Protein backbone atom coordinates (compact mmCIF):
# COMPACT_ATOMS: atom_id res chain seq x y z
CA MET A 1 50.46 -8.23 29.83
CA SER A 2 46.97 -6.55 29.62
CA LYS A 3 45.72 -3.94 27.73
CA LEU A 4 43.67 -0.72 29.16
CA ILE A 5 41.84 1.51 26.53
CA LEU A 6 40.88 4.72 27.63
CA LEU A 7 38.07 6.06 25.07
CA ARG A 8 36.62 9.59 25.46
CA HIS A 9 32.87 9.22 23.99
CA GLY A 10 32.18 10.51 20.63
CA GLN A 11 30.69 14.57 19.42
CA SER A 12 27.84 14.93 21.64
CA THR A 13 25.08 16.86 20.72
CA TRP A 14 26.71 19.81 23.24
CA ASN A 15 30.24 19.37 21.81
CA LEU A 16 28.74 20.32 18.83
CA GLU A 17 26.61 23.48 19.95
CA ASN A 18 29.98 24.45 22.06
CA ARG A 19 28.09 24.05 25.53
CA PHE A 20 29.14 22.73 28.76
CA THR A 21 27.69 19.29 29.33
CA GLY A 22 28.65 18.00 32.47
CA TRP A 23 26.34 15.45 33.77
CA ILE A 24 23.70 16.44 31.54
CA ASP A 25 22.61 13.44 29.71
CA VAL A 26 22.98 14.08 25.81
CA PRO A 27 23.17 11.77 22.58
CA LEU A 28 25.84 11.66 20.37
CA THR A 29 25.67 13.47 16.96
CA PRO A 30 25.67 11.43 13.75
CA LEU A 31 29.42 12.33 13.56
CA GLY A 32 30.04 10.93 17.47
CA GLU A 33 28.28 7.94 16.18
CA GLU A 34 30.80 7.56 13.43
CA GLU A 35 34.26 8.16 15.84
CA ALA A 36 32.57 5.19 18.03
CA LYS A 37 32.33 3.18 15.22
CA GLU A 38 35.57 4.18 13.93
CA ALA A 39 37.31 3.68 17.53
CA GLY A 40 35.93 0.02 17.56
CA PHE A 41 37.27 -1.16 13.28
CA LYS A 42 40.80 0.32 14.85
CA ILE A 43 40.90 -1.87 18.18
CA LYS A 44 39.50 -4.78 15.50
CA LYS A 45 42.55 -4.03 13.24
CA ALA A 46 44.78 -3.93 16.55
CA GLY A 47 43.48 -7.68 17.27
CA ILE A 48 42.61 -6.69 20.56
CA ARG A 49 40.32 -8.84 22.51
CA LEU A 50 38.74 -7.54 25.41
CA ASP A 51 37.50 -9.06 28.61
CA VAL A 52 35.67 -6.49 30.33
CA ALA A 53 34.33 -2.58 29.79
CA TYR A 54 33.77 -0.35 32.51
CA THR A 55 31.59 2.81 31.64
CA SER A 56 30.00 6.20 33.31
CA ALA A 57 26.46 6.92 34.20
CA LEU A 58 26.05 8.70 31.40
CA LEU A 59 23.83 8.21 28.10
CA ARG A 60 26.90 9.50 25.11
CA ALA A 61 29.45 7.24 27.15
CA HIS A 62 27.32 4.11 26.19
CA GLU A 63 26.18 4.87 23.06
CA THR A 64 29.98 4.88 22.35
CA LEU A 65 30.83 1.77 24.09
CA THR A 66 27.73 -0.41 22.04
CA LEU A 67 28.86 1.44 18.74
CA CYS A 68 32.30 0.59 19.45
CA LEU A 69 32.12 -3.15 20.61
CA GLU A 70 29.53 -3.93 17.76
CA THR A 71 32.21 -2.62 15.36
CA ALA A 72 34.87 -4.59 16.94
CA GLY A 73 33.24 -7.64 16.96
CA GLN A 74 32.71 -7.63 20.62
CA SER A 75 29.04 -6.86 21.89
CA GLY A 76 27.88 -8.37 24.82
CA LEU A 77 31.37 -7.74 27.06
CA PRO A 78 30.67 -7.80 30.85
CA THR A 79 30.12 -4.03 31.59
CA HIS A 80 30.12 -2.03 34.88
CA PHE A 81 28.37 1.67 35.23
CA ASP A 82 29.47 4.15 37.55
CA GLN A 83 29.06 7.58 38.35
CA ALA A 84 32.79 7.79 39.67
CA LEU A 85 33.80 7.42 36.06
CA ASN A 86 31.30 10.40 35.21
CA GLU A 87 32.46 13.94 33.13
CA ARG A 88 33.24 16.63 35.85
CA HIS A 89 30.40 18.47 37.18
CA TYR A 90 29.96 21.69 35.43
CA GLY A 91 27.71 23.31 38.06
CA ASP A 92 26.06 26.43 36.86
CA LEU A 93 27.62 26.70 34.23
CA GLN A 94 26.10 23.34 32.63
CA GLY A 95 23.59 23.85 29.55
CA LEU A 96 25.80 27.37 28.62
CA ASN A 97 27.25 28.00 25.44
CA LYS A 98 31.15 28.50 26.40
CA ASP A 99 31.63 31.43 24.38
CA GLU A 100 28.96 33.44 25.47
CA THR A 101 30.11 32.48 28.74
CA ALA A 102 33.43 33.62 28.25
CA GLN A 103 31.66 36.69 27.11
CA LYS A 104 29.84 37.11 30.21
CA PHE A 105 32.65 36.20 32.87
CA GLY A 106 35.98 37.00 31.03
CA ALA A 107 37.89 34.39 28.88
CA ASN A 108 40.32 34.25 31.78
CA GLN A 109 37.51 33.39 34.27
CA VAL A 110 36.24 30.63 32.37
CA LYS A 111 39.89 28.96 31.26
CA LEU A 112 40.30 29.09 34.48
CA TRP A 113 37.14 27.01 35.30
CA ARG A 114 37.71 24.41 32.18
CA ARG A 115 41.37 24.25 32.72
CA SER A 116 42.76 24.67 36.00
CA TYR A 117 43.48 21.61 38.64
CA ASP A 118 41.96 22.69 41.45
CA VAL A 119 39.52 26.01 40.51
CA GLN A 120 35.89 24.75 40.77
CA PRO A 121 33.22 26.59 38.19
CA PRO A 122 30.28 27.94 40.51
CA ASN A 123 28.47 24.90 42.19
CA GLY A 124 30.56 22.43 40.15
CA GLU A 125 33.71 20.53 40.38
CA SER A 126 37.30 20.94 39.40
CA LEU A 127 39.65 18.43 38.00
CA LYS A 128 40.76 17.42 41.39
CA ASP A 129 37.03 17.02 42.73
CA THR A 130 36.72 14.86 39.76
CA ALA A 131 40.03 12.50 40.47
CA ALA A 132 39.03 12.64 43.89
CA ARG A 133 36.10 10.05 42.90
CA THR A 134 37.65 8.65 39.52
CA LEU A 135 40.87 7.38 40.69
CA PRO A 136 39.49 5.45 44.08
CA TYR A 137 37.14 3.83 41.85
CA PHE A 138 39.83 2.86 38.99
CA GLU A 139 42.32 1.35 41.86
CA ALA A 140 39.45 -0.62 43.30
CA ASN A 141 38.10 -2.08 40.60
CA ILE A 142 39.67 -1.57 37.57
CA ILE A 143 43.98 -2.13 38.60
CA PRO A 144 42.88 -5.84 39.61
CA GLU A 145 41.33 -6.99 36.44
CA LEU A 146 44.32 -5.41 35.09
CA LYS A 147 46.55 -7.45 37.76
CA ALA A 148 44.48 -10.03 36.44
CA GLY A 149 45.88 -9.92 33.08
CA LYS A 150 42.66 -8.81 31.55
CA ASN A 151 42.45 -6.22 28.60
CA VAL A 152 39.67 -3.61 29.53
CA ILE A 153 37.94 -0.71 28.15
CA ILE A 154 36.75 2.43 29.70
CA SER A 155 34.25 4.44 27.95
CA ALA A 156 34.13 7.66 29.54
CA HIS A 157 34.75 11.42 29.33
CA GLY A 158 37.74 14.24 28.98
CA ASN A 159 37.86 14.81 32.33
CA SER A 160 38.06 11.48 34.14
CA LEU A 161 40.06 10.61 31.64
CA ARG A 162 42.45 13.14 32.06
CA ALA A 163 42.42 12.11 36.00
CA ILE A 164 43.39 9.01 34.72
CA VAL A 165 45.84 9.52 32.54
CA MET A 166 47.46 12.08 34.72
CA GLN A 167 48.06 9.47 37.55
CA LEU A 168 49.43 6.59 35.00
CA ASP A 169 51.58 8.95 32.99
CA GLN A 170 52.57 10.37 36.50
CA LEU A 171 51.59 13.99 35.48
CA THR A 172 52.09 17.18 37.38
CA GLN A 173 49.55 19.56 38.01
CA GLN A 174 50.84 21.60 35.84
CA GLN A 175 51.25 19.17 33.01
CA VAL A 176 47.53 17.93 33.35
CA LEU A 177 46.71 21.63 32.27
CA GLU A 178 47.91 21.17 28.44
CA LEU A 179 46.07 17.31 28.54
CA ASN A 180 43.37 17.09 25.93
CA ILE A 181 41.80 13.54 25.49
CA PRO A 182 40.48 13.68 21.90
CA ASN A 183 36.96 12.58 21.07
CA GLY A 184 36.76 8.73 19.62
CA ILE A 185 40.79 7.61 19.67
CA PRO A 186 41.65 4.74 21.86
CA ILE A 187 44.30 5.39 24.25
CA VAL A 188 45.96 1.81 24.53
CA TYR A 189 48.38 0.84 27.80
CA ASP A 190 50.29 -2.12 27.99
CA CYS A 191 50.33 -3.03 31.58
CA ASP A 192 52.33 -5.22 33.56
CA SER A 193 51.34 -7.84 36.12
CA ASP A 194 50.98 -5.00 39.02
CA GLY A 195 48.85 -3.19 36.59
CA LYS A 196 51.41 -0.31 36.04
CA PRO A 197 51.75 0.86 32.24
CA LYS A 198 54.90 -0.12 30.22
CA SER A 199 53.57 1.69 27.41
CA LYS A 200 51.15 3.84 25.35
CA THR A 201 49.96 3.94 21.86
CA GLU A 202 47.07 5.76 20.23
CA LEU A 203 45.19 3.84 18.00
């Protein structure tokens, strides 16, 4: 039985400022750093020994992983970086304040861009687009690790992790609209020898 831990990065500076971040590189806030450390403490308390880490190409995910592993006493883990695990690209919305964007385009339109499955923001990605790059990478690289009995952590983002959870939990396009991945909370799947999830808990 292997374990898969999904960890959304801690609060970033643009989370705090309520901006669309997407692929823009921004660091964690002090609160985000504490969230990352707390995730590591929870992993340590649960007695989970990790074998390999995967993260996106973005700073906030790197910082979260580093602080988490340091606190868990598992620094130096083999780590793979890939933009396939990046947050969805918000296109022309990147850097904009979410409330101001809602005032400009209307709350319903912004909700559609943010929460729908296949509606793209201007020059950006939908959740469907994000899944189209995240899931093949997950299948090709991470599932084999789980099948080999390794415990894996993925430090990534709200939407790349939503795409993975959608597949693991077999959610419909409608169900995934209500799915929110919280910052800094380790989600642990126990997986069988085929890499299929048998149980799911939050630490």
